[in-house]
Amino acid sequence: MICLAATMPDLNGSWTGTVNVDGNNYTENFVFRVDGDKLTGTTNQDQDDPRPINPGKINGTDLTFSVSNKDGETFQFTGKYYAAGDSVSLNTVYEDKKLHVLLKRVADK
């Protein structure tokens, strides 16, 4: 018998990484909440107010979700959770530029 709980990724919690846009680095912060195959949470860039993650999906280690900014623009994210490195690789498009950010888990305080 296979224990499915042991094979499901544990994305729950806080994650952070840096994205480079036109030579400028921005800190991206995410708080992920997983409920079955549903992915929700919040995100913020640098010190901006947190924005809700529009309900997304998690399928094994693959994840998809979107975030709307304060101007109403919606950004689609696709990514993968790497349990071995405790990291999340995310891709999105901003102003016709493909962006990538590697998130690392934020240790509990």
PDB file of N, CA and C in Angstrom:
ATOM      1  N   MET A   1       0.836  -1.178   0.000  1.00  0.00           N
ATOM      2  CA  MET A   1       0.000   0.000   0.000  1.00  0.00           C
ATOM      3  C   MET A   1       0.884   1.246   0.000  1.00  0.00           C
ATOM      4  N   ILE A   2       0.565   2.206  -0.846  1.00  0.00           N
ATOM      5  CA  ILE A   2       1.336   3.447  -0.955  1.00  0.00           C
ATOM      6  C   ILE A   2       0.667   4.518  -0.103  1.00  0.00           C
ATOM      7  N   CYS A   3       1.474   5.237   0.646  1.00  0.00           N
ATOM      8  CA  CYS A   3       0.959   6.339   1.453  1.00  0.00           C
ATOM      9  C   CYS A   3       0.981   7.605   0.605  1.00  0.00           C
ATOM     10  N   LEU A   4      -0.182   8.066   0.146  1.00  0.00           N
ATOM     11  CA  LEU A   4      -0.258   9.249  -0.706  1.00  0.00           C
ATOM     12  C   LEU A   4       0.182  10.502   0.020  1.00  0.00           C
ATOM     13  N   ALA A   5      -0.043  10.609   1.308  1.00  0.00           N
ATOM     14  CA  ALA A   5       0.344  11.805   2.055  1.00  0.00           C
ATOM     15  C   ALA A   5       1.841  12.038   1.981  1.00  0.00           C
ATOM     16  N   ALA A   6       2.607  10.972   1.918  1.00  0.00           N
ATOM     17  CA  ALA A   6       4.059  11.116   1.860  1.00  0.00           C
ATOM     18  C   ALA A   6       4.531  11.583   0.491  1.00  0.00           C
ATOM     19  N   THR A   7       3.710  11.387  -0.560  1.00  0.00           N
ATOM     20  CA  THR A   7       4.125  11.768  -1.896  1.00  0.00           C
ATOM     21  C   THR A   7       3.602  13.136  -2.306  1.00  0.00           C
ATOM     22  N   MET A   8       2.694  13.714  -1.546  1.00  0.00           N
ATOM     23  CA  MET A   8       2.151  15.026  -1.879  1.00  0.00           C
ATOM     24  C   MET A   8       3.117  16.121  -1.455  1.00  0.00           C
ATOM     25  N   PRO A   9       3.337  17.105  -2.323  1.00  0.00           N
ATOM     26  CA  PRO A   9       4.242  18.182  -1.949  1.00  0.00           C
ATOM     27  C   PRO A   9       3.667  19.029  -0.827  1.00  0.00           C
ATOM     28  N   ASP A  10       4.529  19.504   0.043  1.00  0.00           N
ATOM     29  CA  ASP A  10       4.090  20.362   1.132  1.00  0.00           C
ATOM     30  C   ASP A  10       4.499  21.799   0.825  1.00  0.00           C
ATOM     31  N   LEU A  11       3.649  22.488   0.085  1.00  0.00           N
ATOM     32  CA  LEU A  11       3.905  23.880  -0.266  1.00  0.00           C
ATOM     33  C   LEU A  11       3.433  24.845   0.809  1.00  0.00           C
ATOM     34  N   ASN A  12       2.643  24.355   1.751  1.00  0.00           N
ATOM     35  CA  ASN A  12       2.104  25.244   2.776  1.00  0.00           C
ATOM     36  C   ASN A  12       3.225  26.012   3.455  1.00  0.00           C
ATOM     37  N   GLY A  13       3.035  27.328   3.570  1.00  0.00           N
ATOM     38  CA  GLY A  13       4.010  28.144   4.266  1.00  0.00           C
ATOM     39  C   GLY A  13       4.507  29.312   3.443  1.00  0.00           C
ATOM     40  N   SER A  14       5.548  29.958   3.960  1.00  0.00           N
ATOM     41  CA  SER A  14       6.107  31.173   3.361  1.00  0.00           C
ATOM     42  C   SER A  14       7.314  30.858   2.495  1.00  0.00           C
ATOM     43  N   TRP A  15       7.407  31.567   1.363  1.00  0.00           N
ATOM     44  CA  TRP A  15       8.471  31.375   0.384  1.00  0.00           C
ATOM     45  C   TRP A  15       8.938  32.742  -0.096  1.00  0.00           C
ATOM     46  N   THR A  16      10.222  32.859  -0.467  1.00  0.00           N
ATOM     47  CA  THR A  16      10.734  34.130  -0.973  1.00  0.00           C
ATOM     48  C   THR A  16      11.792  33.883  -2.045  1.00  0.00           C
ATOM     49  N   GLY A  17      11.920  34.852  -2.945  1.00  0.00           N
ATOM     50  CA  GLY A  17      12.928  34.782  -3.996  1.00  0.00           C
ATOM     51  C   GLY A  17      13.085  36.145  -4.650  1.00  0.00           C
ATOM     52  N   THR A  18      14.024  36.239  -5.578  1.00  0.00           N
ATOM     53  CA  THR A  18      14.303  37.499  -6.261  1.00  0.00           C
ATOM     54  C   THR A  18      14.082  37.332  -7.755  1.00  0.00           C
ATOM     55  N   VAL A  19      13.414  38.315  -8.348  1.00  0.00           N
ATOM     56  CA  VAL A  19      13.196  38.322  -9.792  1.00  0.00           C
ATOM     57  C   VAL A  19      13.862  39.570 -10.361  1.00  0.00           C
ATOM     58  N   ASN A  20      14.491  39.427 -11.529  1.00  0.00           N
ATOM     59  CA  ASN A  20      15.142  40.546 -12.185  1.00  0.00           C
ATOM     60  C   ASN A  20      14.271  41.013 -13.335  1.00  0.00           C
ATOM     61  N   VAL A  21      13.910  42.311 -13.312  1.00  0.00           N
ATOM     62  CA  VAL A  21      13.110  42.914 -14.371  1.00  0.00           C
ATOM     63  C   VAL A  21      13.882  44.125 -14.889  1.00  0.00           C
ATOM     64  N   ASP A  22      14.326  44.048 -16.116  1.00  0.00           N
ATOM     65  CA  ASP A  22      15.058  45.150 -16.748  1.00  0.00           C
ATOM     66  C   ASP A  22      16.231  45.640 -15.903  1.00  0.00           C
ATOM     67  N   GLY A  23      16.977  44.709 -15.319  1.00  0.00           N
ATOM     68  CA  GLY A  23      18.154  45.062 -14.539  1.00  0.00           C
ATOM     69  C   GLY A  23      17.885  45.429 -13.093  1.00  0.00           C
ATOM     70  N   ASN A  24      16.623  45.427 -12.695  1.00  0.00           N
ATOM     71  CA  ASN A  24      16.260  45.727 -11.304  1.00  0.00           C
ATOM     72  C   ASN A  24      15.806  44.461 -10.610  1.00  0.00           C
ATOM     73  N   ASN A  25      16.303  44.227  -9.398  1.00  0.00           N
ATOM     74  CA  ASN A  25      15.917  43.057  -8.613  1.00  0.00           C
ATOM     75  C   ASN A  25      14.780  43.404  -7.666  1.00  0.00           C
ATOM     76  N   TYR A  26      13.802  42.516  -7.613  1.00  0.00           N
ATOM     77  CA  TYR A  26      12.651  42.676  -6.726  1.00  0.00           C
ATOM     78  C   TYR A  26      12.483  41.415  -5.900  1.00  0.00           C
ATOM     79  N   THR A  27      12.211  41.585  -4.625  1.00  0.00           N
ATOM     80  CA  THR A  27      11.951  40.451  -3.750  1.00  0.00           C
ATOM     81  C   THR A  27      10.488  40.068  -3.869  1.00  0.00           C
ATOM     82  N   GLU A  28      10.245  38.796  -4.164  1.00  0.00           N
ATOM     83  CA  GLU A  28       8.889  38.257  -4.267  1.00  0.00           C
ATOM     84  C   GLU A  28       8.641  37.360  -3.065  1.00  0.00           C
ATOM     85  N   ASN A  29       7.542  37.599  -2.371  1.00  0.00           N
ATOM     86  CA  ASN A  29       7.163  36.804  -1.201  1.00  0.00           C
ATOM     87  C   ASN A  29       5.828  36.133  -1.462  1.00  0.00           C
ATOM     88  N   PHE A  30       5.745  34.863  -1.140  1.00  0.00           N
ATOM     89  CA  PHE A  30       4.506  34.103  -1.313  1.00  0.00           C
ATOM     90  C   PHE A  30       4.192  33.369  -0.020  1.00  0.00           C
ATOM     91  N   VAL A  31       2.917  33.265   0.285  1.00  0.00           N
ATOM     92  CA  VAL A  31       2.423  32.367   1.324  1.00  0.00           C
ATOM     93  C   VAL A  31       1.442  31.445   0.615  1.00  0.00           C
ATOM     94  N   PHE A  32       1.791  30.159   0.537  1.00  0.00           N
ATOM     95  CA  PHE A  32       0.954  29.179  -0.139  1.00  0.00           C
ATOM     96  C   PHE A  32       0.127  28.403   0.874  1.00  0.00           C
ATOM     97  N   ARG A  33      -1.120  28.121   0.477  1.00  0.00           N
ATOM     98  CA  ARG A  33      -2.009  27.254   1.256  1.00  0.00           C
ATOM     99  C   ARG A  33      -2.569  26.211   0.284  1.00  0.00           C
ATOM    100  N   VAL A  34      -2.371  24.954   0.629  1.00  0.00           N
ATOM    101  CA  VAL A  34      -2.820  23.851  -0.215  1.00  0.00           C
ATOM    102  C   VAL A  34      -3.945  23.117   0.502  1.00  0.00           C
ATOM    103  N   ASP A  35      -5.033  22.874  -0.230  1.00  0.00           N
ATOM    104  CA  ASP A  35      -6.159  22.097   0.280  1.00  0.00           C
ATOM    105  C   ASP A  35      -6.557  21.132  -0.831  1.00  0.00           C
ATOM    106  N   GLY A  36      -6.086  19.896  -0.725  1.00  0.00           N
ATOM    107  CA  GLY A  36      -6.313  18.927  -1.802  1.00  0.00           C
ATOM    108  C   GLY A  36      -5.522  19.357  -3.021  1.00  0.00           C
ATOM    109  N   ASP A  37      -6.227  19.626  -4.153  1.00  0.00           N
ATOM    110  CA  ASP A  37      -5.540  20.099  -5.348  1.00  0.00           C
ATOM    111  C   ASP A  37      -5.709  21.606  -5.549  1.00  0.00           C
ATOM    112  N   LYS A  38      -6.291  22.288  -4.552  1.00  0.00           N
ATOM    113  CA  LYS A  38      -6.529  23.733  -4.627  1.00  0.00           C
ATOM    114  C   LYS A  38      -5.372  24.497  -3.986  1.00  0.00           C
ATOM    115  N   LEU A  39      -4.881  25.516  -4.688  1.00  0.00           N
ATOM    116  CA  LEU A  39      -3.776  26.340  -4.200  1.00  0.00           C
ATOM    117  C   LEU A  39      -4.262  27.777  -4.034  1.00  0.00           C
ATOM    118  N   THR A  40      -4.112  28.325  -2.836  1.00  0.00           N
ATOM    119  CA  THR A  40      -4.461  29.717  -2.559  1.00  0.00           C
ATOM    120  C   THR A  40      -3.329  30.330  -1.744  1.00  0.00           C
ATOM    121  N   GLY A  41      -3.533  31.548  -1.277  1.00  0.00           N
ATOM    122  CA  GLY A  41      -2.544  32.211  -0.437  1.00  0.00           C
ATOM    123  C   GLY A  41      -2.450  33.680  -0.774  1.00  0.00           C
ATOM    124  N   THR A  42      -1.267  34.251  -0.550  1.00  0.00           N
ATOM    125  CA  THR A  42      -1.022  35.665  -0.831  1.00  0.00           C
ATOM    126  C   THR A  42       0.376  35.837  -1.409  1.00  0.00           C
ATOM    127  N   THR A  43       0.594  36.992  -2.019  1.00  0.00           N
ATOM    128  CA  THR A  43       1.916  37.349  -2.518  1.00  0.00           C
ATOM    129  C   THR A  43       2.108  38.853  -2.393  1.00  0.00           C
ATOM    130  N   ASN A  44       3.356  39.249  -2.236  1.00  0.00           N
ATOM    131  CA  ASN A  44       3.688  40.665  -2.311  1.00  0.00           C
ATOM    132  C   ASN A  44       5.104  40.828  -2.823  1.00  0.00           C
ATOM    133  N   GLN A  45       5.355  41.987  -3.395  1.00  0.00           N
ATOM    134  CA  GLN A  45       6.680  42.297  -3.930  1.00  0.00           C
ATOM    135  C   GLN A  45       7.302  43.365  -3.052  1.00  0.00           C
ATOM    136  N   ASP A  46       8.528  43.113  -2.625  1.00  0.00           N
ATOM    137  CA  ASP A  46       9.222  44.016  -1.713  1.00  0.00           C
ATOM    138  C   ASP A  46       8.310  44.336  -0.525  1.00  0.00           C
ATOM    139  N   GLN A  47       7.943  45.579  -0.317  1.00  0.00           N
ATOM    140  CA  GLN A  47       7.128  45.940   0.853  1.00  0.00           C
ATOM    141  C   GLN A  47       5.678  46.265   0.499  1.00  0.00           C
ATOM    142  N   ASP A  48       5.231  45.898  -0.721  1.00  0.00           N
ATOM    143  CA  ASP A  48       3.844  46.146  -1.120  1.00  0.00           C
ATOM    144  C   ASP A  48       2.880  45.369  -0.237  1.00  0.00           C
ATOM    145  N   ASP A  49       1.634  45.838  -0.212  1.00  0.00           N
ATOM    146  CA  ASP A  49       0.594  45.111   0.508  1.00  0.00           C
ATOM    147  C   ASP A  49       0.372  43.754  -0.148  1.00  0.00           C
ATOM    148  N   PRO A  50       0.099  42.720   0.654  1.00  0.00           N
ATOM    149  CA  PRO A  50      -0.151  41.391   0.082  1.00  0.00           C
ATOM    150  C   PRO A  50      -1.372  41.382  -0.834  1.00  0.00           C
ATOM    151  N   ARG A  51      -1.276  40.621  -1.916  1.00  0.00           N
ATOM    152  CA  ARG A  51      -2.368  40.417  -2.861  1.00  0.00           C
ATOM    153  C   ARG A  51      -2.779  38.951  -2.783  1.00  0.00           C
ATOM    154  N   PRO A  52      -4.082  38.664  -2.872  1.00  0.00           N
ATOM    155  CA  PRO A  52      -4.496  37.255  -2.826  1.00  0.00           C
ATOM    156  C   PRO A  52      -4.106  36.508  -4.096  1.00  0.00           C
ATOM    157  N   ILE A  53      -3.748  35.264  -3.906  1.00  0.00           N
ATOM    158  CA  ILE A  53      -3.546  34.366  -5.035  1.00  0.00           C
ATOM    159  C   ILE A  53      -4.921  33.879  -5.445  1.00  0.00           C
ATOM    160  N   ASN A  54      -5.262  34.096  -6.738  1.00  0.00           N
ATOM    161  CA  ASN A  54      -6.531  33.577  -7.232  1.00  0.00           C
ATOM    162  C   ASN A  54      -6.444  32.058  -7.183  1.00  0.00           C
ATOM    163  N   PRO A  55      -7.510  31.391  -6.749  1.00  0.00           N
ATOM    164  CA  PRO A  55      -7.422  29.938  -6.589  1.00  0.00           C
ATOM    165  C   PRO A  55      -6.793  29.264  -7.804  1.00  0.00           C
ATOM    166  N   GLY A  56      -5.774  28.488  -7.513  1.00  0.00           N
ATOM    167  CA  GLY A  56      -5.059  27.763  -8.553  1.00  0.00           C
ATOM    168  C   GLY A  56      -5.131  26.275  -8.289  1.00  0.00           C
ATOM    169  N   LYS A  57      -4.298  25.545  -9.000  1.00  0.00           N
ATOM    170  CA  LYS A  57      -4.292  24.085  -8.908  1.00  0.00           C
ATOM    171  C   LYS A  57      -2.885  23.581  -8.637  1.00  0.00           C
ATOM    172  N   ILE A  58      -2.832  22.458  -7.947  1.00  0.00           N
ATOM    173  CA  ILE A  58      -1.590  21.724  -7.781  1.00  0.00           C
ATOM    174  C   ILE A  58      -1.866  20.298  -8.242  1.00  0.00           C
ATOM    175  N   ASN A  59      -0.985  19.795  -9.079  1.00  0.00           N
ATOM    176  CA  ASN A  59      -1.111  18.453  -9.617  1.00  0.00           C
ATOM    177  C   ASN A  59       0.240  17.777  -9.449  1.00  0.00           C
ATOM    178  N   GLY A  60       0.385  16.994  -8.397  1.00  0.00           N
ATOM    179  CA  GLY A  60       1.685  16.401  -8.081  1.00  0.00           C
ATOM    180  C   GLY A  60       2.632  17.504  -7.647  1.00  0.00           C
ATOM    181  N   THR A  61       3.672  17.744  -8.435  1.00  0.00           N
ATOM    182  CA  THR A  61       4.614  18.819  -8.112  1.00  0.00           C
ATOM    183  C   THR A  61       4.420  20.046  -9.004  1.00  0.00           C
ATOM    184  N   ASP A  62       3.443  19.991  -9.932  1.00  0.00           N
ATOM    185  CA  ASP A  62       3.172  21.116 -10.830  1.00  0.00           C
ATOM    186  C   ASP A  62       2.103  22.024 -10.231  1.00  0.00           C
ATOM    187  N   LEU A  63       2.299  23.336 -10.373  1.00  0.00           N
ATOM    188  CA  LEU A  63       1.312  24.271  -9.865  1.00  0.00           C
ATOM    189  C   LEU A  63       1.029  25.364 -10.871  1.00  0.00           C
ATOM    190  N   THR A  64      -0.210  25.846 -10.860  1.00  0.00           N
ATOM    191  CA  THR A  64      -0.647  26.967 -11.684  1.00  0.00           C
ATOM    192  C   THR A  64      -1.554  27.840 -10.845  1.00  0.00           C
ATOM    193  N   PHE A  65      -1.406  29.154 -11.008  1.00  0.00           N
ATOM    194  CA  PHE A  65      -2.274  30.105 -10.321  1.00  0.00           C
ATOM    195  C   PHE A  65      -2.119  31.462 -10.980  1.00  0.00           C
ATOM    196  N   SER A  66      -2.948  32.413 -10.568  1.00  0.00           N
ATOM    197  CA  SER A  66      -2.820  33.772 -11.080  1.00  0.00           C
ATOM    198  C   SER A  66      -2.923  34.752  -9.922  1.00  0.00           C
ATOM    199  N   VAL A  67      -2.413  35.954 -10.161  1.00  0.00           N
ATOM    200  CA  VAL A  67      -2.449  37.036  -9.189  1.00  0.00           C
ATOM    201  C   VAL A  67      -2.828  38.299  -9.941  1.00  0.00           C
ATOM    202  N   SER A  68      -3.744  39.075  -9.383  1.00  0.00           N
ATOM    203  CA  SER A  68      -4.117  40.358  -9.969  1.00  0.00           C
ATOM    204  C   SER A  68      -3.464  41.470  -9.168  1.00  0.00           C
ATOM    205  N   ASN A  69      -2.854  42.438  -9.871  1.00  0.00           N
ATOM    206  CA  ASN A  69      -2.224  43.545  -9.154  1.00  0.00           C
ATOM    207  C   ASN A  69      -3.250  44.630  -8.842  1.00  0.00           C
ATOM    208  N   LYS A  70      -2.807  45.698  -8.180  1.00  0.00           N
ATOM    209  CA  LYS A  70      -3.735  46.749  -7.760  1.00  0.00           C
ATOM    210  C   LYS A  70      -4.349  47.491  -8.937  1.00  0.00           C
ATOM    211  N   ASP A  71      -3.727  47.377 -10.135  1.00  0.00           N
ATOM    212  CA  ASP A  71      -4.268  48.020 -11.333  1.00  0.00           C
ATOM    213  C   ASP A  71      -5.218  47.103 -12.093  1.00  0.00           C
ATOM    214  N   GLY A  72      -5.444  45.905 -11.577  1.00  0.00           N
ATOM    215  CA  GLY A  72      -6.367  44.969 -12.206  1.00  0.00           C
ATOM    216  C   GLY A  72      -5.746  44.054 -13.238  1.00  0.00           C
ATOM    217  N   GLU A  73      -4.432  44.172 -13.475  1.00  0.00           N
ATOM    218  CA  GLU A  73      -3.761  43.263 -14.396  1.00  0.00           C
ATOM    219  C   GLU A  73      -3.628  41.897 -13.733  1.00  0.00           C
ATOM    220  N   THR A  74      -3.842  40.845 -14.509  1.00  0.00           N
ATOM    221  CA  THR A  74      -3.724  39.490 -13.980  1.00  0.00           C
ATOM    222  C   THR A  74      -2.522  38.807 -14.603  1.00  0.00           C
ATOM    223  N   PHE A  75      -1.720  38.185 -13.751  1.00  0.00           N
ATOM    224  CA  PHE A  75      -0.517  37.489 -14.182  1.00  0.00           C
ATOM    225  C   PHE A  75      -0.678  36.004 -13.893  1.00  0.00           C
ATOM    226  N   GLN A  76      -0.445  35.193 -14.924  1.00  0.00           N
ATOM    227  CA  GLN A  76      -0.527  33.743 -14.808  1.00  0.00           C
ATOM    228  C   GLN A  76       0.836  33.198 -14.410  1.00  0.00           C
ATOM    229  N   PHE A  77       0.865  32.310 -13.443  1.00  0.00           N
ATOM    230  CA  PHE A  77       2.092  31.667 -13.000  1.00  0.00           C
ATOM    231  C   PHE A  77       1.999  30.167 -13.240  1.00  0.00           C
ATOM    232  N   THR A  78       3.092  29.586 -13.681  1.00  0.00           N
ATOM    233  CA  THR A  78       3.235  28.142 -13.740  1.00  0.00           C
ATOM    234  C   THR A  78       4.508  27.805 -12.990  1.00  0.00           C
ATOM    235  N   GLY A  79       4.533  26.643 -12.377  1.00  0.00           N
ATOM    236  CA  GLY A  79       5.725  26.313 -11.619  1.00  0.00           C
ATOM    237  C   GLY A  79       5.814  24.861 -11.239  1.00  0.00           C
ATOM    238  N   LYS A  80       6.886  24.576 -10.512  1.00  0.00           N
ATOM    239  CA  LYS A  80       7.154  23.216 -10.057  1.00  0.00           C
ATOM    240  C   LYS A  80       7.789  23.284  -8.679  1.00  0.00           C
ATOM    241  N   TYR A  81       7.374  22.364  -7.815  1.00  0.00           N
ATOM    242  CA  TYR A  81       7.926  22.233  -6.475  1.00  0.00           C
ATOM    243  C   TYR A  81       8.995  21.151  -6.500  1.00  0.00           C
ATOM    244  N   TYR A  82      10.170  21.487  -5.977  1.00  0.00           N
ATOM    245  CA  TYR A  82      11.278  20.542  -5.892  1.00  0.00           C
ATOM    246  C   TYR A  82      11.513  20.216  -4.421  1.00  0.00           C
ATOM    247  N   ALA A  83      11.019  19.068  -3.990  1.00  0.00           N
ATOM    248  CA  ALA A  83      11.119  18.684  -2.586  1.00  0.00           C
ATOM    249  C   ALA A  83      12.569  18.527  -2.146  1.00  0.00           C
ATOM    250  N   ALA A  84      13.410  17.973  -3.019  1.00  0.00           N
ATOM    251  CA  ALA A  84      14.803  17.712  -2.642  1.00  0.00           C
ATOM    252  C   ALA A  84      15.535  18.996  -2.275  1.00  0.00           C
ATOM    253  N   GLY A  85      15.264  20.083  -2.985  1.00  0.00           N
ATOM    254  CA  GLY A  85      15.929  21.345  -2.690  1.00  0.00           C
ATOM    255  C   GLY A  85      15.057  22.307  -1.916  1.00  0.00           C
ATOM    256  N   ASP A  86      13.851  21.840  -1.558  1.00  0.00           N
ATOM    257  CA  ASP A  86      12.866  22.672  -0.873  1.00  0.00           C
ATOM    258  C   ASP A  86      12.770  24.034  -1.561  1.00  0.00           C
ATOM    259  N   SER A  87      12.462  23.980  -2.873  1.00  0.00           N
ATOM    260  CA  SER A  87      12.361  25.197  -3.666  1.00  0.00           C
ATOM    261  C   SER A  87      11.175  25.100  -4.621  1.00  0.00           C
ATOM    262  N   VAL A  88      10.754  26.268  -5.104  1.00  0.00           N
ATOM    263  CA  VAL A  88       9.677  26.364  -6.079  1.00  0.00           C
ATOM    264  C   VAL A  88      10.192  27.209  -7.234  1.00  0.00           C
ATOM    265  N   SER A  89      10.086  26.695  -8.438  1.00  0.00           N
ATOM    266  CA  SER A  89      10.468  27.412  -9.644  1.00  0.00           C
ATOM    267  C   SER A  89       9.196  27.956 -10.283  1.00  0.00           C
ATOM    268  N   LEU A  90       9.115  29.295 -10.463  1.00  0.00           N
ATOM    269  CA  LEU A  90       7.925  29.926 -11.036  1.00  0.00           C
ATOM    270  C   LEU A  90       8.271  30.702 -12.291  1.00  0.00           C
ATOM    271  N   ASN A  91       7.350  30.677 -13.242  1.00  0.00           N
ATOM    272  CA  ASN A  91       7.480  31.446 -14.477  1.00  0.00           C
ATOM    273  C   ASN A  91       6.214  32.254 -14.693  1.00  0.00           C
ATOM    274  N   THR A  92       6.384  33.466 -15.248  1.00  0.00           N
ATOM    275  CA  THR A  92       5.264  34.314 -15.616  1.00  0.00           C
ATOM    276  C   THR A  92       5.714  35.217 -16.750  1.00  0.00           C
ATOM    277  N   VAL A  93       4.791  36.005 -17.283  1.00  0.00           N
ATOM    278  CA  VAL A  93       5.106  36.965 -18.334  1.00  0.00           C
ATOM    279  C   VAL A  93       4.666  38.343 -17.848  1.00  0.00           C
ATOM    280  N   TYR A  94       5.571  39.328 -17.998  1.00  0.00           N
ATOM    281  CA  TYR A  94       5.284  40.709 -17.612  1.00  0.00           C
ATOM    282  C   TYR A  94       5.738  41.602 -18.753  1.00  0.00           C
ATOM    283  N   GLU A  95       4.810  42.384 -19.320  1.00  0.00           N
ATOM    284  CA  GLU A  95       5.113  43.273 -20.443  1.00  0.00           C
ATOM    285  C   GLU A  95       5.887  42.540 -21.528  1.00  0.00           C
ATOM    286  N   ASP A  96       5.365  41.398 -21.944  1.00  0.00           N
ATOM    287  CA  ASP A  96       5.944  40.558 -23.002  1.00  0.00           C
ATOM    288  C   ASP A  96       7.319  39.987 -22.672  1.00  0.00           C
ATOM    289  N   LYS A  97       7.729  40.055 -21.412  1.00  0.00           N
ATOM    290  CA  LYS A  97       9.010  39.478 -20.992  1.00  0.00           C
ATOM    291  C   LYS A  97       8.732  38.239 -20.150  1.00  0.00           C
ATOM    292  N   LYS A  98       9.410  37.142 -20.472  1.00  0.00           N
ATOM    293  CA  LYS A  98       9.303  35.937 -19.657  1.00  0.00           C
ATOM    294  C   LYS A  98      10.154  36.130 -18.419  1.00  0.00           C
ATOM    295  N   LEU A  99       9.571  35.941 -17.255  1.00  0.00           N
ATOM    296  CA  LEU A  99      10.272  36.105 -15.984  1.00  0.00           C
ATOM    297  C   LEU A  99      10.313  34.781 -15.236  1.00  0.00           C
ATOM    298  N   HIS A 100      11.390  34.584 -14.508  1.00  0.00           N
ATOM    299  CA  HIS A 100      11.572  33.379 -13.706  1.00  0.00           C
ATOM    300  C   HIS A 100      12.016  33.791 -12.308  1.00  0.00           C
ATOM    301  N   VAL A 101      11.480  33.107 -11.304  1.00  0.00           N
ATOM    302  CA  VAL A 101      11.924  33.319  -9.927  1.00  0.00           C
ATOM    303  C   VAL A 101      12.040  31.959  -9.251  1.00  0.00           C
ATOM    304  N   LEU A 102      13.107  31.774  -8.517  1.00  0.00           N
ATOM    305  CA  LEU A 102      13.313  30.567  -7.723  1.00  0.00           C
ATOM    306  C   LEU A 102      13.038  30.924  -6.270  1.00  0.00           C
ATOM    307  N   LEU A 103      12.015  30.303  -5.701  1.00  0.00           N
ATOM    308  CA  LEU A 103      11.625  30.577  -4.312  1.00  0.00           C
ATOM    309  C   LEU A 103      12.253  29.565  -3.379  1.00  0.00           C
ATOM    310  N   LYS A 104      12.635  30.039  -2.222  1.00  0.00           N
ATOM    311  CA  LYS A 104      13.122  29.172  -1.137  1.00  0.00           C
ATOM    312  C   LYS A 104      12.191  29.348   0.046  1.00  0.00           C
ATOM    313  N   ARG A 105      11.995  28.278   0.792  1.00  0.00           N
ATOM    314  CA  ARG A 105      11.118  28.322   1.962  1.00  0.00           C
ATOM    315  C   ARG A 105      11.705  29.259   3.018  1.00  0.00           C
ATOM    316  N   VAL A 106      10.844  30.048   3.638  1.00  0.00           N
ATOM    317  CA  VAL A 106      11.242  30.918   4.732  1.00  0.00           C
ATOM    318  C   VAL A 106      11.114  30.114   6.012  1.00  0.00           C
ATOM    319  N   ALA A 107      12.190  30.046   6.772  1.00  0.00           N
ATOM    320  CA  ALA A 107      12.199  29.272   8.018  1.00  0.00           C
ATOM    321  C   ALA A 107      11.234  29.894   9.017  1.00  0.00           C
ATOM    322  N   ASP A 108      10.543  29.034   9.759  1.00  0.00           N
ATOM    323  CA  ASP A 108       9.654  29.510  10.820  1.00  0.00           C
ATOM    324  C   ASP A 108      10.478  30.205  11.889  1.00  0.00           C
ATOM    325  N   LYS A 109       9.908  31.267  12.435  1.00  0.00           N
ATOM    326  CA  LYS A 109      10.621  32.011  13.488  1.00  0.00           C
ATOM    327  C   LYS A 109      10.218  31.524  14.840  1.00  0.00           C
TER     328      LYS A 109
END
